[in-house]
C-alpha cells in the first residue's frame, strides 16, 4: 500500500475558476487554462502514483509563481531570494482547490479524504521555474516517511500519528 506522495510539477499554477453553466458548452479562457493545468497535474502524478492514497490524508503544497516582469530589478531579486511574500492574486485557497480537484481519483480517491493540512503557501519563483511541490501522507498508525522531510512542510510526528 502506498502511503506517501512527494512530487514536483513544473508549470505556472492556475487557480480554480468559478464555473458557470455556459462553461460546459463554451468554456471561458480561465476555464480553459484551468483544464489544461488540471490535465498536466493528472499526467504528471499518474506516472508516479500507481494507486490512490487510502484513508485520511495530510496535504502540504508550495506554489511557486512567476515574478512579474514589470517589477524593478531589485524587487525581482528580493522576490527570488524569498524576501517578499506573494500577497497578490491568485488566492491560495483557489490554488489548493485546483490541486485537490485535479488529483481526485489519481493521488486520492476523493478530496474529502484530506483531513489535515501541513504548510500550504505561495511563493515567488526562486529561479527553478514556476511549479508546485506536493507532499501528501496517509494519516494513521503505520504511516512512514523519510527522516526530517515532514519538518520542511510544517508537519510534526504528533500530527501524523
C-alpha atoms as a PDB file:
ATOM      1  CA  UNK A   1       0.000   0.000   0.000  1.00  0.00           C
ATOM      2  CA  UNK A   2       1.332   3.434  -0.943  1.00  0.00           C
ATOM      3  CA  UNK A   3       1.184   5.848   1.994  1.00  0.00           C
ATOM      4  CA  UNK A   4       3.208   8.823   0.746  1.00  0.00           C
ATOM      5  CA  UNK A   5       3.372  11.041  -2.333  1.00  0.00           C
ATOM      6  CA  UNK A   6       6.060  13.660  -2.950  1.00  0.00           C
ATOM      7  CA  UNK A   7       6.064  15.197  -6.416  1.00  0.00           C
ATOM      8  CA  UNK A   8       7.069  18.440  -8.139  1.00  0.00           C
ATOM      9  CA  UNK A   9       5.020  19.586 -11.129  1.00  0.00           C
ATOM     10  CA  UNK A  10       6.562  22.303 -13.308  1.00  0.00           C
ATOM     11  CA  UNK A  11       4.401  24.928 -14.982  1.00  0.00           C
ATOM     12  CA  UNK A  12       2.578  28.049 -13.851  1.00  0.00           C
ATOM     13  CA  UNK A  13      -0.034  27.030 -11.225  1.00  0.00           C
ATOM     14  CA  UNK A  14      -3.591  28.007 -12.187  1.00  0.00           C
ATOM     15  CA  UNK A  15      -6.336  28.679  -9.599  1.00  0.00           C
ATOM     16  CA  UNK A  16      -9.719  27.001  -9.791  1.00  0.00           C
ATOM     17  CA  UNK A  17     -12.150  29.391 -11.537  1.00  0.00           C
ATOM     18  CA  UNK A  18     -15.811  29.906 -10.792  1.00  0.00           C
ATOM     19  CA  UNK A  19     -17.504  27.861 -13.498  1.00  0.00           C
ATOM     20  CA  UNK A  20     -20.951  28.590 -14.880  1.00  0.00           C
ATOM     21  CA  UNK A  21     -23.409  26.501 -16.901  1.00  0.00           C
ATOM     22  CA  UNK A  22     -22.211  28.274 -20.014  1.00  0.00           C
ATOM     23  CA  UNK A  23     -18.650  26.970 -19.461  1.00  0.00           C
ATOM     24  CA  UNK A  24     -19.857  23.440 -20.253  1.00  0.00           C
ATOM     25  CA  UNK A  25     -20.549  24.398 -23.863  1.00  0.00           C
ATOM     26  CA  UNK A  26     -18.265  27.386 -24.487  1.00  0.00           C
ATOM     27  CA  UNK A  27     -15.521  27.461 -21.831  1.00  0.00           C
ATOM     28  CA  UNK A  28     -14.092  30.843 -20.865  1.00  0.00           C
ATOM     29  CA  UNK A  29     -10.354  31.483 -21.155  1.00  0.00           C
ATOM     30  CA  UNK A  30      -9.917  30.985 -17.386  1.00  0.00           C
ATOM     31  CA  UNK A  31     -11.693  27.618 -17.506  1.00  0.00           C
ATOM     32  CA  UNK A  32      -9.598  26.509 -20.499  1.00  0.00           C
ATOM     33  CA  UNK A  33      -6.361  27.424 -18.653  1.00  0.00           C
ATOM     34  CA  UNK A  34      -7.581  25.586 -15.541  1.00  0.00           C
ATOM     35  CA  UNK A  35      -8.492  22.453 -17.509  1.00  0.00           C
ATOM     36  CA  UNK A  36      -5.082  22.423 -19.220  1.00  0.00           C
ATOM     37  CA  UNK A  37      -3.354  22.811 -15.828  1.00  0.00           C
ATOM     38  CA  UNK A  38      -5.515  20.045 -14.303  1.00  0.00           C
ATOM     39  CA  UNK A  39      -4.606  17.715 -17.186  1.00  0.00           C
ATOM     40  CA  UNK A  40      -0.908  18.499 -16.669  1.00  0.00           C
ATOM     41  CA  UNK A  41      -1.228  17.697 -12.943  1.00  0.00           C
ATOM     42  CA  UNK A  42      -3.030  14.431 -13.685  1.00  0.00           C
ATOM     43  CA  UNK A  43      -0.461  13.221 -16.214  1.00  0.00           C
ATOM     44  CA  UNK A  44       2.497  14.205 -14.016  1.00  0.00           C
ATOM     45  CA  UNK A  45       1.175  12.472 -10.901  1.00  0.00           C
ATOM     46  CA  UNK A  46      -0.229   9.420 -12.726  1.00  0.00           C
ATOM     47  CA  UNK A  47       3.324   8.438 -13.683  1.00  0.00           C
ATOM     48  CA  UNK A  48       4.435   8.499 -10.036  1.00  0.00           C
ATOM     49  CA  UNK A  49       1.352   7.357  -8.131  1.00  0.00           C
ATOM     50  CA  UNK A  50       0.199   3.927  -9.323  1.00  0.00           C
ATOM     51  CA  UNK A  51      -2.705   3.732  -6.838  1.00  0.00           C
ATOM     52  CA  UNK A  52      -4.530   6.353  -4.738  1.00  0.00           C
ATOM     53  CA  UNK A  53      -3.602   7.039  -1.124  1.00  0.00           C
ATOM     54  CA  UNK A  54      -6.015   5.378   1.290  1.00  0.00           C
ATOM     55  CA  UNK A  55      -7.648   6.636   4.488  1.00  0.00           C
ATOM     56  CA  UNK A  56      -7.186  10.131   5.863  1.00  0.00           C
ATOM     57  CA  UNK A  57      -4.620  12.315   4.120  1.00  0.00           C
ATOM     58  CA  UNK A  58      -2.453  15.207   5.230  1.00  0.00           C
ATOM     59  CA  UNK A  59      -1.639  17.561   2.357  1.00  0.00           C
ATOM     60  CA  UNK A  60       1.157  20.126   2.120  1.00  0.00           C
ATOM     61  CA  UNK A  61       1.870  22.187  -1.004  1.00  0.00           C
ATOM     62  CA  UNK A  62       4.159  25.023  -2.040  1.00  0.00           C
ATOM     63  CA  UNK A  63       3.139  27.003  -5.138  1.00  0.00           C
ATOM     64  CA  UNK A  64       5.966  28.906  -6.862  1.00  0.00           C
ATOM     65  CA  UNK A  65       4.525  31.667  -9.051  1.00  0.00           C
ATOM     66  CA  UNK A  66       6.317  33.814 -11.666  1.00  0.00           C
ATOM     67  CA  UNK A  67       7.804  37.157 -10.685  1.00  0.00           C
ATOM     68  CA  UNK A  68       6.165  39.970 -12.710  1.00  0.00           C
ATOM     69  CA  UNK A  69       8.435  41.404 -15.428  1.00  0.00           C
ATOM     70  CA  UNK A  70       7.129  44.862 -14.517  1.00  0.00           C
ATOM     71  CA  UNK A  71       8.927  44.748 -11.144  1.00  0.00           C
ATOM     72  CA  UNK A  72      12.183  46.725 -10.965  1.00  0.00           C
ATOM     73  CA  UNK A  73      15.324  44.540 -10.973  1.00  0.00           C
ATOM     74  CA  UNK A  74      15.990  44.985  -7.231  1.00  0.00           C
ATOM     75  CA  UNK A  75      12.392  43.941  -6.439  1.00  0.00           C
ATOM     76  CA  UNK A  76      12.789  40.901  -8.686  1.00  0.00           C
ATOM     77  CA  UNK A  77      15.986  39.896  -6.852  1.00  0.00           C
ATOM     78  CA  UNK A  78      14.279  40.332  -3.462  1.00  0.00           C
ATOM     79  CA  UNK A  79      11.280  38.262  -4.577  1.00  0.00           C
ATOM     80  CA  UNK A  80      13.514  35.469  -5.936  1.00  0.00           C
ATOM     81  CA  UNK A  81      15.505  35.435  -2.683  1.00  0.00           C
ATOM     82  CA  UNK A  82      12.307  34.880  -0.700  1.00  0.00           C
ATOM     83  CA  UNK A  83      12.421  38.277   0.995  1.00  0.00           C
ATOM     84  CA  UNK A  84       8.978  39.174  -0.383  1.00  0.00           C
ATOM     85  CA  UNK A  85       5.825  37.170   0.193  1.00  0.00           C
ATOM     86  CA  UNK A  86       3.419  36.591  -2.680  1.00  0.00           C
ATOM     87  CA  UNK A  87       0.393  38.604  -1.469  1.00  0.00           C
ATOM     88  CA  UNK A  88      -1.370  39.245  -4.768  1.00  0.00           C
ATOM     89  CA  UNK A  89      -3.760  37.119  -6.828  1.00  0.00           C
ATOM     90  CA  UNK A  90      -4.271  34.195  -7.253  1.00  0.00           C
ATOM     91  CA  UNK A  91      -5.745  33.263  -3.880  1.00  0.00           C
ATOM     92  CA  UNK A  92      -4.091  30.368  -2.084  1.00  0.00           C
ATOM     93  CA  UNK A  93      -7.432  28.666  -1.407  1.00  0.00           C
ATOM     94  CA  UNK A  94      -8.213  28.564  -5.147  1.00  0.00           C
ATOM     95  CA  UNK A  95      -4.758  27.138  -5.933  1.00  0.00           C
ATOM     96  CA  UNK A  96      -5.308  24.414  -3.316  1.00  0.00           C
ATOM     97  CA  UNK A  97      -8.796  23.706  -4.706  1.00  0.00           C
ATOM     98  CA  UNK A  98      -7.401  23.260  -8.218  1.00  0.00           C
ATOM     99  CA  UNK A  99      -4.770  20.841  -6.890  1.00  0.00           C
ATOM    100  CA  UNK A 100      -7.263  18.836  -4.812  1.00  0.00           C
ATOM    101  CA  UNK A 101      -9.825  18.501  -7.613  1.00  0.00           C
ATOM    102  CA  UNK A 102      -7.294  17.703 -10.332  1.00  0.00           C
ATOM    103  CA  UNK A 103      -5.812  14.798  -8.347  1.00  0.00           C
ATOM    104  CA  UNK A 104      -9.148  13.165  -7.481  1.00  0.00           C
ATOM    105  CA  UNK A 105      -9.009   9.511  -8.496  1.00  0.00           C
ATOM    106  CA  UNK A 106      -5.241   9.621  -9.045  1.00  0.00           C
ATOM    107  CA  UNK A 107      -3.452  10.647  -5.835  1.00  0.00           C
ATOM    108  CA  UNK A 108      -6.527  10.068  -3.634  1.00  0.00           C
ATOM    109  CA  UNK A 109      -9.941   8.570  -4.318  1.00  0.00           C
ATOM    110  CA  UNK A 110     -11.740  11.789  -3.361  1.00  0.00           C
ATOM    111  CA  UNK A 111     -10.574  15.121  -1.936  1.00  0.00           C
ATOM    112  CA  UNK A 112     -12.879  14.555   1.055  1.00  0.00           C
ATOM    113  CA  UNK A 113     -10.114  12.223   2.334  1.00  0.00           C
ATOM    114  CA  UNK A 114      -7.941  15.269   3.059  1.00  0.00           C
ATOM    115  CA  UNK A 115      -8.437  15.737   6.782  1.00  0.00           C
ATOM    116  CA  UNK A 116      -5.311  17.754   7.651  1.00  0.00           C
ATOM    117  CA  UNK A 117      -3.167  20.392   6.018  1.00  0.00           C
ATOM    118  CA  UNK A 118       0.532  20.814   6.543  1.00  0.00           C
ATOM    119  CA  UNK A 119       2.109  24.031   5.356  1.00  0.00           C
ATOM    120  CA  UNK A 120       0.430  25.338   2.200  1.00  0.00           C
ATOM    121  CA  UNK A 121       1.971  28.506   0.805  1.00  0.00           C
ATOM    122  CA  UNK A 122       2.561  30.530  -2.316  1.00  0.00           C
ATOM    123  CA  UNK A 123       5.945  31.998  -3.087  1.00  0.00           C
ATOM    124  CA  UNK A 124       7.673  33.781  -5.933  1.00  0.00           C
ATOM    125  CA  UNK A 125       9.766  31.643  -8.265  1.00  0.00           C
ATOM    126  CA  UNK A 126      13.208  31.047  -6.745  1.00  0.00           C
ATOM    127  CA  UNK A 127      14.960  30.544 -10.078  1.00  0.00           C
ATOM    128  CA  UNK A 128      13.958  26.903 -10.663  1.00  0.00           C
ATOM    129  CA  UNK A 129      10.824  27.854 -12.589  1.00  0.00           C
ATOM    130  CA  UNK A 130       7.133  28.137 -11.718  1.00  0.00           C
ATOM    131  CA  UNK A 131       5.892  24.917 -10.155  1.00  0.00           C
ATOM    132  CA  UNK A 132       4.014  23.254  -7.333  1.00  0.00           C
ATOM    133  CA  UNK A 133       5.609  20.890  -4.820  1.00  0.00           C
ATOM    134  CA  UNK A 134       3.106  18.438  -3.328  1.00  0.00           C
ATOM    135  CA  UNK A 135       3.575  16.261  -0.271  1.00  0.00           C
ATOM    136  CA  UNK A 136       0.726  14.001   0.830  1.00  0.00           C
ATOM    137  CA  UNK A 137       0.722  11.352   3.569  1.00  0.00           C
ATOM    138  CA  UNK A 138      -1.763   8.729   4.595  1.00  0.00           C
ATOM    139  CA  UNK A 139      -2.548   9.599   8.201  1.00  0.00           C
ATOM    140  CA  UNK A 140      -2.597   6.645  10.556  1.00  0.00           C
ATOM    141  CA  UNK A 141      -0.714   4.323  12.866  1.00  0.00           C
ATOM    142  CA  UNK A 142       1.552   2.814  10.195  1.00  0.00           C
ATOM    143  CA  UNK A 143       2.463   5.952   8.264  1.00  0.00           C
ATOM    144  CA  UNK A 144       6.121   6.005   7.238  1.00  0.00           C
ATOM    145  CA  UNK A 145       8.035   8.962   5.825  1.00  0.00           C
ATOM    146  CA  UNK A 146      11.702   9.883   5.354  1.00  0.00           C
ATOM    147  CA  UNK A 147      13.506  11.293   8.355  1.00  0.00           C
ATOM    148  CA  UNK A 148      13.196  15.083   8.505  1.00  0.00           C
ATOM    149  CA  UNK A 149      11.193  15.549   5.286  1.00  0.00           C
ATOM    150  CA  UNK A 150       7.967  16.181   7.208  1.00  0.00           C
ATOM    151  CA  UNK A 151       9.555  19.131   9.054  1.00  0.00           C
ATOM    152  CA  UNK A 152      10.203  21.017   5.812  1.00  0.00           C
ATOM    153  CA  UNK A 153       6.464  21.096   5.143  1.00  0.00           C
ATOM    154  CA  UNK A 154       5.346  22.045   8.654  1.00  0.00           C
ATOM    155  CA  UNK A 155       4.225  18.564   9.695  1.00  0.00           C
ATOM    156  CA  UNK A 156       5.102  17.018  13.033  1.00  0.00           C
ATOM    157  CA  UNK A 157       5.080  13.387  14.067  1.00  0.00           C
ATOM    158  CA  UNK A 158       2.282  14.179  16.532  1.00  0.00           C
ATOM    159  CA  UNK A 159       0.065  15.393  13.704  1.00  0.00           C
ATOM    160  CA  UNK A 160       0.701  12.282  11.611  1.00  0.00           C
ATOM    161  CA  UNK A 161       0.014   9.549  14.157  1.00  0.00           C
END
